[in-house]
N, C-alpha and C. Protein backbone atom coordinates (compact mmCIF):
# COMPACT_ATOMS: atom_id res chain seq x y z
N UNK A 1 -2.43 -28.04 2.35
CA UNK A 1 -2.54 -27.67 0.93
C UNK A 1 -1.39 -26.74 0.56
N UNK A 2 -0.73 -27.06 -0.52
CA UNK A 2 0.41 -26.27 -0.96
C UNK A 2 -0.06 -25.05 -1.75
N UNK A 3 0.46 -23.89 -1.39
CA UNK A 3 0.11 -22.65 -2.09
C UNK A 3 1.30 -22.21 -2.93
N UNK A 4 1.05 -21.98 -4.18
CA UNK A 4 2.10 -21.53 -5.09
C UNK A 4 2.58 -20.15 -4.65
N UNK A 5 3.81 -20.09 -4.17
CA UNK A 5 4.34 -18.82 -3.67
C UNK A 5 4.46 -17.80 -4.79
N UNK A 6 4.78 -18.26 -6.01
CA UNK A 6 4.88 -17.34 -7.14
C UNK A 6 3.57 -16.63 -7.39
N UNK A 7 2.45 -17.38 -7.23
CA UNK A 7 1.14 -16.76 -7.45
C UNK A 7 0.83 -15.74 -6.36
N UNK A 8 1.09 -16.10 -5.10
CA UNK A 8 0.80 -15.17 -4.01
C UNK A 8 1.67 -13.92 -4.11
N UNK A 9 2.89 -14.07 -4.59
CA UNK A 9 3.77 -12.91 -4.73
C UNK A 9 3.31 -11.97 -5.84
N UNK A 10 2.50 -12.50 -6.77
CA UNK A 10 2.04 -11.68 -7.88
C UNK A 10 0.70 -11.02 -7.61
N UNK A 11 0.11 -11.27 -6.46
CA UNK A 11 -1.20 -10.71 -6.16
C UNK A 11 -1.15 -9.18 -6.19
N UNK A 12 -0.13 -8.61 -5.54
CA UNK A 12 -0.01 -7.15 -5.53
C UNK A 12 0.14 -6.59 -6.94
N UNK A 13 0.94 -7.27 -7.76
CA UNK A 13 1.11 -6.81 -9.14
C UNK A 13 -0.22 -6.83 -9.88
N UNK A 14 -1.02 -7.89 -9.68
CA UNK A 14 -2.31 -8.00 -10.33
C UNK A 14 -3.25 -6.88 -9.89
N UNK A 15 -3.30 -6.62 -8.59
CA UNK A 15 -4.19 -5.59 -8.07
C UNK A 15 -3.78 -4.22 -8.59
N UNK A 16 -2.48 -3.94 -8.56
CA UNK A 16 -1.98 -2.64 -9.05
C UNK A 16 -2.28 -2.49 -10.54
N UNK A 17 -2.08 -3.54 -11.32
CA UNK A 17 -2.37 -3.47 -12.76
C UNK A 17 -3.85 -3.25 -13.01
N UNK A 18 -4.70 -3.93 -12.24
CA UNK A 18 -6.15 -3.77 -12.40
C UNK A 18 -6.57 -2.35 -12.05
N UNK A 19 -6.03 -1.82 -10.98
CA UNK A 19 -6.36 -0.45 -10.59
C UNK A 19 -5.95 0.55 -11.67
N UNK A 20 -4.75 0.36 -12.20
CA UNK A 20 -4.27 1.26 -13.25
C UNK A 20 -5.14 1.16 -14.49
N UNK A 21 -5.52 -0.05 -14.84
CA UNK A 21 -6.39 -0.23 -16.00
C UNK A 21 -7.76 0.37 -15.80
N UNK A 22 -8.36 0.18 -14.61
CA UNK A 22 -9.68 0.75 -14.33
C UNK A 22 -9.63 2.27 -14.32
N UNK A 23 -8.56 2.84 -13.78
CA UNK A 23 -8.42 4.29 -13.80
C UNK A 23 -8.42 4.81 -15.23
N UNK A 24 -7.71 4.11 -16.10
CA UNK A 24 -7.65 4.53 -17.51
C UNK A 24 -9.02 4.42 -18.16
N UNK A 25 -9.73 3.32 -17.92
CA UNK A 25 -11.04 3.11 -18.54
C UNK A 25 -12.04 4.15 -18.06
N UNK A 26 -12.09 4.38 -16.74
CA UNK A 26 -13.06 5.34 -16.18
C UNK A 26 -12.77 6.75 -16.69
N UNK A 27 -11.50 7.13 -16.70
CA UNK A 27 -11.14 8.47 -17.18
C UNK A 27 -11.47 8.63 -18.66
N UNK A 28 -11.15 7.61 -19.47
CA UNK A 28 -11.45 7.66 -20.90
C UNK A 28 -12.95 7.74 -21.14
N UNK A 29 -13.72 6.95 -20.38
CA UNK A 29 -15.18 6.97 -20.54
C UNK A 29 -15.75 8.33 -20.18
N UNK A 30 -15.21 8.96 -19.16
CA UNK A 30 -15.70 10.28 -18.77
C UNK A 30 -15.36 11.33 -19.82
N UNK A 31 -14.19 11.22 -20.44
CA UNK A 31 -13.81 12.15 -21.51
C UNK A 31 -14.76 11.99 -22.71
N UNK A 32 -15.04 10.75 -23.09
CA UNK A 32 -15.97 10.50 -24.20
C UNK A 32 -17.36 11.05 -23.87
N UNK A 33 -17.81 10.80 -22.63
CA UNK A 33 -19.13 11.28 -22.24
C UNK A 33 -19.21 12.81 -22.28
N UNK A 34 -18.13 13.45 -21.91
CA UNK A 34 -18.15 14.91 -21.84
C UNK A 34 -18.05 15.56 -23.21
N UNK A 35 -17.13 15.09 -24.06
CA UNK A 35 -16.87 15.78 -25.32
C UNK A 35 -17.65 15.22 -26.50
N UNK A 36 -18.18 14.01 -26.37
CA UNK A 36 -18.95 13.42 -27.46
C UNK A 36 -20.44 13.52 -27.20
N UNK A 37 -20.84 13.19 -25.97
CA UNK A 37 -22.27 13.17 -25.64
C UNK A 37 -22.71 14.37 -24.81
N UNK A 38 -21.76 15.30 -24.57
CA UNK A 38 -22.07 16.50 -23.78
C UNK A 38 -22.71 16.14 -22.45
N UNK A 39 -22.17 15.11 -21.83
CA UNK A 39 -22.67 14.64 -20.54
C UNK A 39 -21.51 14.52 -19.57
N UNK A 40 -21.74 13.86 -18.45
CA UNK A 40 -20.67 13.73 -17.46
C UNK A 40 -20.98 12.56 -16.54
N UNK A 41 -19.96 11.78 -16.22
CA UNK A 41 -20.09 10.72 -15.24
C UNK A 41 -19.75 11.33 -13.88
N UNK A 42 -20.77 11.61 -13.08
CA UNK A 42 -20.57 12.39 -11.86
C UNK A 42 -19.60 11.75 -10.88
N UNK A 43 -19.60 10.43 -10.83
CA UNK A 43 -18.78 9.74 -9.83
C UNK A 43 -17.39 9.37 -10.35
N UNK A 44 -17.10 9.69 -11.61
CA UNK A 44 -15.83 9.25 -12.21
C UNK A 44 -14.61 9.84 -11.50
N UNK A 45 -14.66 11.14 -11.21
CA UNK A 45 -13.50 11.79 -10.61
C UNK A 45 -13.22 11.23 -9.22
N UNK A 46 -14.25 11.10 -8.41
CA UNK A 46 -14.04 10.59 -7.04
C UNK A 46 -13.55 9.16 -7.06
N UNK A 47 -14.13 8.33 -7.94
CA UNK A 47 -13.68 6.95 -8.03
C UNK A 47 -12.23 6.86 -8.48
N UNK A 48 -11.85 7.72 -9.42
CA UNK A 48 -10.46 7.73 -9.89
C UNK A 48 -9.51 8.14 -8.78
N UNK A 49 -9.92 9.11 -7.96
CA UNK A 49 -9.09 9.54 -6.84
C UNK A 49 -8.91 8.40 -5.84
N UNK A 50 -9.99 7.68 -5.55
CA UNK A 50 -9.88 6.54 -4.63
C UNK A 50 -8.96 5.46 -5.19
N UNK A 51 -9.11 5.16 -6.47
CA UNK A 51 -8.26 4.14 -7.08
C UNK A 51 -6.81 4.57 -7.11
N UNK A 52 -6.57 5.86 -7.33
CA UNK A 52 -5.20 6.36 -7.31
C UNK A 52 -4.60 6.23 -5.91
N UNK A 53 -5.41 6.50 -4.89
CA UNK A 53 -4.94 6.31 -3.52
C UNK A 53 -4.58 4.86 -3.24
N UNK A 54 -5.42 3.93 -3.69
CA UNK A 54 -5.11 2.51 -3.53
C UNK A 54 -3.82 2.17 -4.28
N UNK A 55 -3.68 2.71 -5.48
CA UNK A 55 -2.50 2.44 -6.30
C UNK A 55 -1.22 2.89 -5.59
N UNK A 56 -1.25 4.09 -5.03
CA UNK A 56 -0.07 4.64 -4.38
C UNK A 56 0.27 3.87 -3.10
N UNK A 57 -0.73 3.62 -2.28
CA UNK A 57 -0.48 2.98 -0.98
C UNK A 57 -0.06 1.53 -1.14
N UNK A 58 -0.72 0.80 -2.01
CA UNK A 58 -0.30 -0.58 -2.26
C UNK A 58 1.04 -0.62 -2.99
N UNK A 59 1.26 0.37 -3.86
CA UNK A 59 2.54 0.43 -4.57
C UNK A 59 3.71 0.71 -3.65
N UNK A 60 3.45 1.44 -2.56
CA UNK A 60 4.54 1.73 -1.62
C UNK A 60 5.06 0.46 -0.97
N UNK A 61 4.15 -0.42 -0.54
CA UNK A 61 4.58 -1.68 0.07
C UNK A 61 5.19 -2.61 -0.97
N UNK A 62 4.66 -2.57 -2.19
CA UNK A 62 5.23 -3.40 -3.25
C UNK A 62 6.65 -2.95 -3.59
N UNK A 63 6.88 -1.63 -3.54
CA UNK A 63 8.22 -1.12 -3.82
C UNK A 63 9.22 -1.55 -2.75
N UNK A 64 8.75 -1.70 -1.50
CA UNK A 64 9.63 -2.22 -0.46
C UNK A 64 9.99 -3.67 -0.77
N UNK A 65 9.00 -4.42 -1.20
CA UNK A 65 9.21 -5.82 -1.55
C UNK A 65 10.24 -5.98 -2.66
N UNK A 66 10.15 -5.13 -3.69
CA UNK A 66 11.05 -5.24 -4.84
C UNK A 66 12.30 -4.37 -4.70
N UNK A 67 12.46 -3.71 -3.54
CA UNK A 67 13.59 -2.81 -3.28
C UNK A 67 13.70 -1.75 -4.37
N UNK A 68 12.55 -1.13 -4.67
CA UNK A 68 12.50 -0.11 -5.73
C UNK A 68 12.53 1.31 -5.19
N UNK A 69 12.43 1.47 -3.87
CA UNK A 69 12.53 2.81 -3.30
C UNK A 69 13.96 3.33 -3.47
N UNK A 70 14.08 4.60 -3.75
CA UNK A 70 15.40 5.20 -3.94
C UNK A 70 15.99 5.62 -2.60
N UNK A 71 17.30 5.60 -2.52
CA UNK A 71 17.97 6.01 -1.30
C UNK A 71 19.37 6.50 -1.59
N UNK A 72 19.97 7.17 -0.65
CA UNK A 72 21.34 7.67 -0.77
C UNK A 72 22.28 6.64 -0.15
N UNK A 73 23.21 6.13 -0.94
CA UNK A 73 24.10 5.07 -0.47
C UNK A 73 25.57 5.47 -0.51
N UNK A 74 25.85 6.78 -0.50
CA UNK A 74 27.24 7.23 -0.58
C UNK A 74 28.06 6.74 0.60
N UNK A 75 27.51 6.84 1.81
CA UNK A 75 28.23 6.40 3.00
C UNK A 75 28.30 4.88 3.06
N UNK A 76 27.19 4.22 2.70
CA UNK A 76 27.16 2.76 2.76
C UNK A 76 28.21 2.16 1.84
N UNK A 77 28.40 2.76 0.67
CA UNK A 77 29.37 2.21 -0.28
C UNK A 77 30.81 2.30 0.23
N UNK A 78 31.06 3.22 1.16
CA UNK A 78 32.42 3.35 1.72
C UNK A 78 32.65 2.40 2.88
N UNK A 79 31.60 1.75 3.38
CA UNK A 79 31.73 0.87 4.54
C UNK A 79 32.07 -0.55 4.11
N UNK A 80 32.61 -1.31 5.04
CA UNK A 80 32.91 -2.71 4.78
C UNK A 80 31.62 -3.52 4.80
N UNK A 81 31.60 -4.71 4.23
CA UNK A 81 30.38 -5.53 4.20
C UNK A 81 29.72 -5.75 5.56
N UNK A 82 30.49 -6.05 6.64
CA UNK A 82 29.83 -6.21 7.94
C UNK A 82 29.14 -4.93 8.42
N UNK A 83 29.80 -3.80 8.18
CA UNK A 83 29.21 -2.53 8.59
C UNK A 83 27.98 -2.22 7.73
N UNK A 84 28.04 -2.55 6.47
CA UNK A 84 26.88 -2.33 5.60
C UNK A 84 25.67 -3.10 6.12
N UNK A 85 25.93 -4.31 6.57
CA UNK A 85 24.84 -5.14 7.08
C UNK A 85 24.22 -4.51 8.32
N UNK A 86 25.07 -4.01 9.20
CA UNK A 86 24.57 -3.37 10.42
C UNK A 86 23.76 -2.13 10.08
N UNK A 87 24.29 -1.31 9.18
CA UNK A 87 23.58 -0.09 8.78
C UNK A 87 22.25 -0.43 8.11
N UNK A 88 22.25 -1.47 7.31
CA UNK A 88 21.00 -1.87 6.65
C UNK A 88 19.97 -2.34 7.67
N UNK A 89 20.41 -3.08 8.69
CA UNK A 89 19.49 -3.54 9.72
C UNK A 89 18.96 -2.37 10.55
N UNK A 90 19.83 -1.41 10.84
CA UNK A 90 19.39 -0.24 11.61
C UNK A 90 18.35 0.55 10.82
N UNK A 91 18.63 0.79 9.53
CA UNK A 91 17.69 1.54 8.71
C UNK A 91 16.36 0.80 8.57
N UNK A 92 16.43 -0.52 8.44
CA UNK A 92 15.21 -1.31 8.34
C UNK A 92 14.41 -1.24 9.63
N UNK A 93 15.10 -1.27 10.77
CA UNK A 93 14.42 -1.17 12.07
C UNK A 93 13.72 0.18 12.21
N UNK A 94 14.37 1.24 11.76
CA UNK A 94 13.75 2.58 11.80
C UNK A 94 12.51 2.63 10.91
N UNK A 95 12.62 2.07 9.72
CA UNK A 95 11.48 2.05 8.80
C UNK A 95 10.34 1.22 9.38
N UNK A 96 10.67 0.11 10.02
CA UNK A 96 9.65 -0.74 10.61
C UNK A 96 8.95 -0.04 11.76
N UNK A 97 9.71 0.68 12.59
CA UNK A 97 9.12 1.41 13.70
C UNK A 97 8.18 2.49 13.19
N UNK A 98 8.60 3.20 12.14
CA UNK A 98 7.76 4.25 11.57
C UNK A 98 6.50 3.68 10.93
N UNK A 99 6.65 2.55 10.24
CA UNK A 99 5.48 1.94 9.60
C UNK A 99 4.51 1.39 10.63
N UNK A 100 4.99 0.98 11.81
CA UNK A 100 4.10 0.55 12.88
C UNK A 100 3.27 1.73 13.39
N UNK A 101 3.89 2.90 13.49
CA UNK A 101 3.13 4.10 13.87
C UNK A 101 2.08 4.42 12.81
N UNK A 102 2.45 4.27 11.53
CA UNK A 102 1.49 4.51 10.46
C UNK A 102 0.33 3.51 10.52
N UNK A 103 0.64 2.27 10.88
CA UNK A 103 -0.40 1.25 10.98
C UNK A 103 -1.39 1.60 12.08
N UNK A 104 -0.90 2.07 13.21
CA UNK A 104 -1.79 2.48 14.29
C UNK A 104 -2.68 3.63 13.85
N UNK A 105 -2.09 4.64 13.21
CA UNK A 105 -2.87 5.77 12.74
C UNK A 105 -3.88 5.37 11.69
N UNK A 106 -3.50 4.46 10.80
CA UNK A 106 -4.41 4.02 9.75
C UNK A 106 -5.59 3.25 10.34
N UNK A 107 -5.30 2.38 11.30
CA UNK A 107 -6.39 1.63 11.95
C UNK A 107 -7.33 2.57 12.70
N UNK A 108 -6.77 3.50 13.45
CA UNK A 108 -7.60 4.42 14.23
C UNK A 108 -8.49 5.27 13.34
N UNK A 109 -8.00 5.64 12.16
CA UNK A 109 -8.80 6.46 11.25
C UNK A 109 -9.90 5.63 10.60
N UNK A 110 -9.58 4.40 10.18
CA UNK A 110 -10.53 3.58 9.45
C UNK A 110 -11.53 2.87 10.35
N UNK A 111 -11.11 2.49 11.54
CA UNK A 111 -11.93 1.61 12.38
C UNK A 111 -13.29 2.19 12.71
N UNK A 112 -13.37 3.51 12.95
CA UNK A 112 -14.66 4.11 13.32
C UNK A 112 -15.66 4.00 12.18
N UNK A 113 -15.19 4.03 10.93
CA UNK A 113 -16.09 3.85 9.79
C UNK A 113 -16.59 2.41 9.70
N UNK A 114 -15.86 1.48 10.31
CA UNK A 114 -16.26 0.08 10.33
C UNK A 114 -16.95 -0.29 11.63
N UNK A 115 -17.27 0.70 12.46
CA UNK A 115 -17.89 0.47 13.76
C UNK A 115 -17.02 -0.43 14.63
N UNK A 116 -15.72 -0.24 14.52
CA UNK A 116 -14.75 -0.97 15.33
C UNK A 116 -14.01 0.01 16.22
N UNK A 117 -13.55 -0.43 17.38
CA UNK A 117 -12.88 0.50 18.30
C UNK A 117 -11.48 0.88 17.85
N UNK A 118 -11.14 2.16 17.89
CA UNK A 118 -9.74 2.55 17.64
C UNK A 118 -8.88 2.19 18.85
N UNK A 119 -7.59 2.24 18.65
CA UNK A 119 -6.69 1.91 19.75
C UNK A 119 -6.54 3.10 20.69
N UNK A 120 -6.22 2.80 21.92
CA UNK A 120 -5.91 3.84 22.89
C UNK A 120 -4.40 4.05 22.91
N UNK A 121 -3.96 5.15 23.49
CA UNK A 121 -2.53 5.47 23.50
C UNK A 121 -2.20 6.45 22.40
N UNK A 122 -1.33 7.40 22.71
CA UNK A 122 -1.01 8.44 21.74
C UNK A 122 -0.07 7.95 20.67
N UNK A 123 0.99 7.26 21.07
CA UNK A 123 1.98 6.82 20.11
C UNK A 123 1.88 5.32 19.84
N UNK A 124 1.75 4.54 20.90
CA UNK A 124 1.70 3.09 20.77
C UNK A 124 0.38 2.58 21.34
N UNK A 125 -0.21 1.57 20.71
CA UNK A 125 -1.49 1.06 21.19
C UNK A 125 -1.37 0.44 22.58
N UNK A 126 -2.24 0.86 23.47
CA UNK A 126 -2.27 0.32 24.83
C UNK A 126 -3.55 -0.46 25.08
N UNK A 127 -4.36 -0.62 24.06
CA UNK A 127 -5.64 -1.31 24.18
C UNK A 127 -6.61 -0.74 23.16
N UNK A 128 -7.87 -0.95 23.41
CA UNK A 128 -8.91 -0.43 22.52
C UNK A 128 -9.87 0.45 23.31
N UNK A 129 -10.29 1.54 22.71
CA UNK A 129 -11.22 2.45 23.37
C UNK A 129 -12.60 1.81 23.44
N UNK A 130 -13.24 2.01 24.59
CA UNK A 130 -14.56 1.41 24.79
C UNK A 130 -15.69 2.38 24.50
N UNK A 131 -15.47 3.67 24.68
CA UNK A 131 -16.53 4.65 24.48
C UNK A 131 -16.42 5.39 23.17
N UNK A 132 -15.99 4.71 22.12
CA UNK A 132 -15.81 5.38 20.84
C UNK A 132 -17.17 5.61 20.18
N UNK A 133 -17.20 6.57 19.26
CA UNK A 133 -18.41 6.88 18.51
C UNK A 133 -18.24 6.39 17.08
N UNK A 134 -19.00 5.37 16.71
CA UNK A 134 -18.90 4.81 15.38
C UNK A 134 -19.42 5.77 14.31
N UNK A 135 -18.87 5.63 13.13
CA UNK A 135 -19.26 6.48 12.00
C UNK A 135 -19.53 5.64 10.76
N UNK A 136 -20.14 4.48 10.97
CA UNK A 136 -20.42 3.60 9.86
C UNK A 136 -21.42 4.15 8.87
N UNK A 137 -22.14 5.18 9.25
CA UNK A 137 -23.15 5.77 8.37
C UNK A 137 -22.56 6.77 7.39
N UNK A 138 -21.26 7.11 7.54
CA UNK A 138 -20.64 8.07 6.63
C UNK A 138 -20.54 7.49 5.22
N UNK A 139 -20.92 8.29 4.23
CA UNK A 139 -20.85 7.89 2.83
C UNK A 139 -19.86 8.77 2.08
N UNK A 140 -19.41 8.26 0.93
CA UNK A 140 -18.59 9.10 0.06
C UNK A 140 -19.50 10.12 -0.61
N UNK A 141 -18.92 11.00 -1.38
CA UNK A 141 -19.70 12.11 -1.94
C UNK A 141 -20.48 11.75 -3.20
N UNK A 142 -19.87 10.99 -4.12
CA UNK A 142 -20.49 10.80 -5.43
C UNK A 142 -20.70 9.35 -5.85
N UNK A 143 -19.81 8.44 -5.47
CA UNK A 143 -19.88 7.07 -5.99
C UNK A 143 -21.12 6.37 -5.44
N UNK A 144 -22.04 5.93 -6.30
CA UNK A 144 -23.28 5.31 -5.83
C UNK A 144 -23.05 3.94 -5.21
N UNK A 145 -23.97 3.56 -4.36
CA UNK A 145 -23.92 2.25 -3.72
C UNK A 145 -24.16 1.16 -4.76
N UNK A 146 -23.49 0.03 -4.59
CA UNK A 146 -23.67 -1.10 -5.50
C UNK A 146 -24.19 -2.30 -4.71
N UNK A 147 -24.91 -3.17 -5.40
CA UNK A 147 -25.60 -4.29 -4.75
C UNK A 147 -24.67 -5.23 -3.98
N UNK A 148 -23.49 -5.59 -4.52
CA UNK A 148 -22.62 -6.52 -3.78
C UNK A 148 -22.21 -6.03 -2.40
N UNK A 149 -22.28 -4.72 -2.15
CA UNK A 149 -21.90 -4.18 -0.84
C UNK A 149 -23.10 -3.99 0.07
N UNK A 150 -24.26 -4.52 -0.34
CA UNK A 150 -25.46 -4.33 0.45
C UNK A 150 -25.39 -4.92 1.84
N UNK A 151 -24.55 -5.95 2.04
CA UNK A 151 -24.43 -6.56 3.36
C UNK A 151 -23.92 -5.58 4.41
N UNK A 152 -23.24 -4.51 3.98
CA UNK A 152 -22.71 -3.53 4.92
C UNK A 152 -23.82 -2.74 5.61
N UNK A 153 -24.97 -2.67 4.99
CA UNK A 153 -26.08 -1.91 5.58
C UNK A 153 -26.52 -2.53 6.90
N UNK A 154 -26.60 -3.84 6.94
CA UNK A 154 -26.96 -4.51 8.19
C UNK A 154 -25.76 -4.65 9.12
N UNK A 155 -24.58 -4.71 8.53
CA UNK A 155 -23.39 -4.96 9.34
C UNK A 155 -22.95 -3.74 10.13
N UNK A 156 -22.94 -2.57 9.50
CA UNK A 156 -22.41 -1.38 10.18
C UNK A 156 -23.34 -0.18 10.15
N UNK A 157 -24.50 -0.29 9.48
CA UNK A 157 -25.40 0.86 9.39
C UNK A 157 -26.78 0.57 9.96
N UNK A 158 -26.88 -0.46 10.80
CA UNK A 158 -28.11 -0.76 11.54
C UNK A 158 -29.32 -0.94 10.61
N UNK A 159 -29.08 -1.51 9.44
CA UNK A 159 -30.15 -1.81 8.52
C UNK A 159 -30.56 -0.66 7.61
N UNK A 160 -30.01 0.51 7.82
CA UNK A 160 -30.35 1.66 6.97
C UNK A 160 -29.65 1.54 5.61
N UNK A 161 -30.35 1.93 4.56
CA UNK A 161 -29.79 1.83 3.22
C UNK A 161 -28.80 2.96 2.95
N UNK A 162 -27.79 2.62 2.16
CA UNK A 162 -26.82 3.61 1.70
C UNK A 162 -27.23 4.11 0.32
N UNK A 163 -27.10 5.40 0.10
CA UNK A 163 -27.25 5.94 -1.25
C UNK A 163 -25.92 5.95 -1.98
N UNK A 164 -24.87 6.23 -1.24
CA UNK A 164 -23.51 6.21 -1.78
C UNK A 164 -22.71 5.12 -1.06
N UNK A 165 -21.57 4.78 -1.61
CA UNK A 165 -20.72 3.77 -0.98
C UNK A 165 -20.23 4.29 0.37
N UNK A 166 -20.30 3.49 1.43
CA UNK A 166 -19.80 3.94 2.73
C UNK A 166 -18.29 4.12 2.71
N UNK A 167 -17.82 5.04 3.52
CA UNK A 167 -16.39 5.35 3.53
C UNK A 167 -15.53 4.18 3.99
N UNK A 168 -16.14 3.24 4.67
CA UNK A 168 -15.36 2.10 5.16
C UNK A 168 -14.73 1.33 4.01
N UNK A 169 -15.34 1.40 2.81
CA UNK A 169 -14.83 0.62 1.68
C UNK A 169 -13.58 1.24 1.07
N UNK A 170 -13.61 2.49 0.60
CA UNK A 170 -12.38 3.04 -0.01
C UNK A 170 -11.25 3.24 0.98
N UNK A 171 -11.58 3.50 2.25
CA UNK A 171 -10.54 3.74 3.24
C UNK A 171 -9.96 2.46 3.82
N UNK A 172 -10.49 1.31 3.40
CA UNK A 172 -9.94 0.04 3.86
C UNK A 172 -8.48 -0.12 3.47
N UNK A 173 -8.08 0.55 2.39
CA UNK A 173 -6.70 0.43 1.92
C UNK A 173 -5.70 0.96 2.94
N UNK A 174 -6.13 1.86 3.82
CA UNK A 174 -5.21 2.43 4.80
C UNK A 174 -4.62 1.36 5.72
N UNK A 175 -5.43 0.63 6.51
CA UNK A 175 -4.82 -0.39 7.36
C UNK A 175 -4.22 -1.54 6.57
N UNK A 176 -4.83 -1.90 5.43
CA UNK A 176 -4.30 -3.02 4.64
C UNK A 176 -2.92 -2.70 4.10
N UNK A 177 -2.76 -1.52 3.53
CA UNK A 177 -1.47 -1.14 2.95
C UNK A 177 -0.40 -0.98 4.02
N UNK A 178 -0.78 -0.42 5.18
CA UNK A 178 0.21 -0.25 6.24
C UNK A 178 0.60 -1.60 6.85
N UNK A 179 -0.35 -2.53 6.91
CA UNK A 179 0.00 -3.87 7.38
C UNK A 179 0.96 -4.54 6.41
N UNK A 180 0.69 -4.40 5.12
CA UNK A 180 1.60 -4.95 4.11
C UNK A 180 2.98 -4.30 4.20
N UNK A 181 3.00 -3.00 4.48
CA UNK A 181 4.27 -2.30 4.62
C UNK A 181 5.10 -2.90 5.76
N UNK A 182 4.44 -3.16 6.88
CA UNK A 182 5.14 -3.77 8.02
C UNK A 182 5.66 -5.15 7.67
N UNK A 183 4.83 -5.94 6.98
CA UNK A 183 5.25 -7.28 6.59
C UNK A 183 6.46 -7.22 5.67
N UNK A 184 6.44 -6.30 4.71
CA UNK A 184 7.55 -6.19 3.75
C UNK A 184 8.84 -5.75 4.43
N UNK A 185 8.75 -4.81 5.37
CA UNK A 185 9.95 -4.39 6.09
C UNK A 185 10.48 -5.53 6.96
N UNK A 186 9.59 -6.29 7.57
CA UNK A 186 10.03 -7.44 8.38
C UNK A 186 10.71 -8.48 7.49
N UNK A 187 10.14 -8.73 6.31
CA UNK A 187 10.77 -9.66 5.37
C UNK A 187 12.14 -9.15 4.91
N UNK A 188 12.25 -7.84 4.70
CA UNK A 188 13.52 -7.26 4.29
C UNK A 188 14.57 -7.42 5.39
N UNK A 189 14.14 -7.24 6.63
CA UNK A 189 15.07 -7.39 7.75
C UNK A 189 15.59 -8.83 7.84
N UNK A 190 14.69 -9.80 7.64
CA UNK A 190 15.11 -11.20 7.68
C UNK A 190 16.07 -11.50 6.53
N UNK A 191 15.78 -10.98 5.35
CA UNK A 191 16.65 -11.22 4.19
C UNK A 191 18.04 -10.62 4.40
N UNK A 192 18.09 -9.43 4.99
CA UNK A 192 19.39 -8.80 5.26
C UNK A 192 20.15 -9.59 6.31
N UNK A 193 19.46 -10.03 7.35
CA UNK A 193 20.09 -10.79 8.43
C UNK A 193 20.65 -12.12 7.91
N UNK A 194 19.92 -12.75 6.99
CA UNK A 194 20.37 -14.03 6.43
C UNK A 194 21.40 -13.86 5.33
N UNK A 195 21.69 -12.62 4.97
CA UNK A 195 22.70 -12.37 3.95
C UNK A 195 22.21 -12.53 2.52
N UNK A 196 20.89 -12.61 2.33
CA UNK A 196 20.35 -12.75 0.98
C UNK A 196 20.42 -11.45 0.20
N UNK A 197 20.46 -10.34 0.91
CA UNK A 197 20.62 -9.03 0.29
C UNK A 197 21.36 -8.13 1.25
N UNK A 198 21.99 -7.10 0.74
CA UNK A 198 22.77 -6.21 1.60
C UNK A 198 22.16 -4.83 1.70
N UNK A 199 21.07 -4.59 0.99
CA UNK A 199 20.49 -3.26 0.95
C UNK A 199 18.98 -3.32 1.10
N UNK A 200 18.43 -2.20 1.55
CA UNK A 200 16.99 -2.07 1.69
C UNK A 200 16.36 -1.37 0.49
N UNK A 201 17.14 -0.51 -0.16
CA UNK A 201 16.60 0.29 -1.26
C UNK A 201 17.41 0.05 -2.52
N UNK A 202 16.93 0.61 -3.62
CA UNK A 202 17.65 0.50 -4.89
C UNK A 202 18.98 1.23 -4.80
N UNK A 203 19.97 0.70 -5.48
CA UNK A 203 21.30 1.31 -5.42
C UNK A 203 21.99 1.11 -6.76
N UNK A 204 23.30 0.94 -6.69
CA UNK A 204 24.09 0.77 -7.91
C UNK A 204 24.32 -0.70 -8.23
N UNK A 205 23.52 -1.60 -7.63
CA UNK A 205 23.73 -3.02 -7.87
C UNK A 205 23.54 -3.36 -9.36
N UNK A 206 22.58 -2.73 -10.00
CA UNK A 206 22.34 -3.01 -11.42
C UNK A 206 23.55 -2.59 -12.25
N UNK A 207 24.12 -1.43 -11.93
CA UNK A 207 25.30 -0.98 -12.65
C UNK A 207 26.46 -1.95 -12.45
N UNK A 208 26.60 -2.46 -11.24
CA UNK A 208 27.66 -3.43 -10.97
C UNK A 208 27.45 -4.71 -11.78
N UNK A 209 26.20 -5.16 -11.86
CA UNK A 209 25.91 -6.38 -12.61
C UNK A 209 26.19 -6.17 -14.10
N UNK A 210 25.83 -4.99 -14.61
CA UNK A 210 26.09 -4.70 -16.02
C UNK A 210 27.59 -4.69 -16.30
N UNK A 211 28.35 -4.06 -15.40
CA UNK A 211 29.80 -4.02 -15.57
C UNK A 211 30.39 -5.42 -15.53
N UNK A 212 29.83 -6.28 -14.65
CA UNK A 212 30.33 -7.64 -14.56
C UNK A 212 30.05 -8.42 -15.83
N UNK A 213 28.86 -8.24 -16.39
CA UNK A 213 28.51 -8.93 -17.62
C UNK A 213 29.36 -8.43 -18.79
N UNK A 214 29.61 -7.12 -18.81
CA UNK A 214 30.46 -6.58 -19.86
C UNK A 214 31.89 -7.10 -19.77
N UNK A 215 32.33 -7.27 -18.51
CA UNK A 215 33.67 -7.81 -18.32
C UNK A 215 33.77 -9.25 -18.78
N UNK A 216 32.69 -10.02 -18.56
CA UNK A 216 32.70 -11.43 -18.99
C UNK A 216 32.66 -11.55 -20.50
N UNK A 217 32.01 -10.56 -21.16
CA UNK A 217 31.93 -10.61 -22.63
C UNK A 217 33.09 -9.92 -23.31
N UNK A 218 33.98 -9.32 -22.51
CA UNK A 218 35.14 -8.67 -23.09
C UNK A 218 34.90 -7.27 -23.57
N UNK A 219 33.72 -6.69 -23.24
CA UNK A 219 33.43 -5.33 -23.66
C UNK A 219 33.92 -4.36 -22.59
N UNK A 220 34.19 -3.16 -23.03
CA UNK A 220 34.60 -2.12 -22.09
C UNK A 220 33.36 -1.46 -21.54
N UNK A 221 33.28 -1.19 -20.21
CA UNK A 221 32.09 -0.59 -19.64
C UNK A 221 31.92 0.84 -20.10
C-alpha cells in the first residue's frame, strides 16, 4: 500500500498545531471561568503545562527536520565545499550521539511508569534491568482520568482504578520525541552525505537566495 509521504511529513505539523490550539482554548476557558463565573478549572494549568512540554519536545525534532535550529556558521562559511560537508557530517554525528543519550535517559525515566524495564548501563544501554520497581500507579496531580484511557487500569495498574491520569500518558512524549530526534538527525546525515543539503542548521542560505533573485530581476540587493 502506497503511503502519501506529504501526508506523513505533515503529521508533526498537525500535532503541534493541535497542541497550540488546545493550549489556547484551555487557557481562555480558564480565564473566562475565573473572571466571569468566579470559578476555576483546577486541572487547566497542569494540562497546559503538559501540552507545552509536548509542544516543545516535538517541536525540537520538527525543527531539525526543517533545519530551523540556529547555529554559528562563521567558520563554515570560510571553508571550501568539501570541508563544509565534512564539518556538517561531524556536527551531525555529535548531535546524533547526544540525542541517543537523551533517548536512553527518556526511556529509563518513562518506562517505569509503563511497568516496563529501564535499560542497564550508565551511559549506553547494555540490556534491560530485571529487578526494577514499576511505578504504573503514579498519577498526575490535577488532570482527572478519562474513559478512553480506562484500559491502562488493567494494563499497568493491576485493575485498580485511577482518579487522575497516570503519569505514563503525559510522559510518553519523552521517548517519542527523542526517538524522532534521532530519526531526524539520521535523515539529516543522509541528506548531507548525498549532497542534498550542506548544512544542519539555519544559516544565510535565505539571504543568498534573495540576493540571487534580486540579481535575476535587476534589482540591487
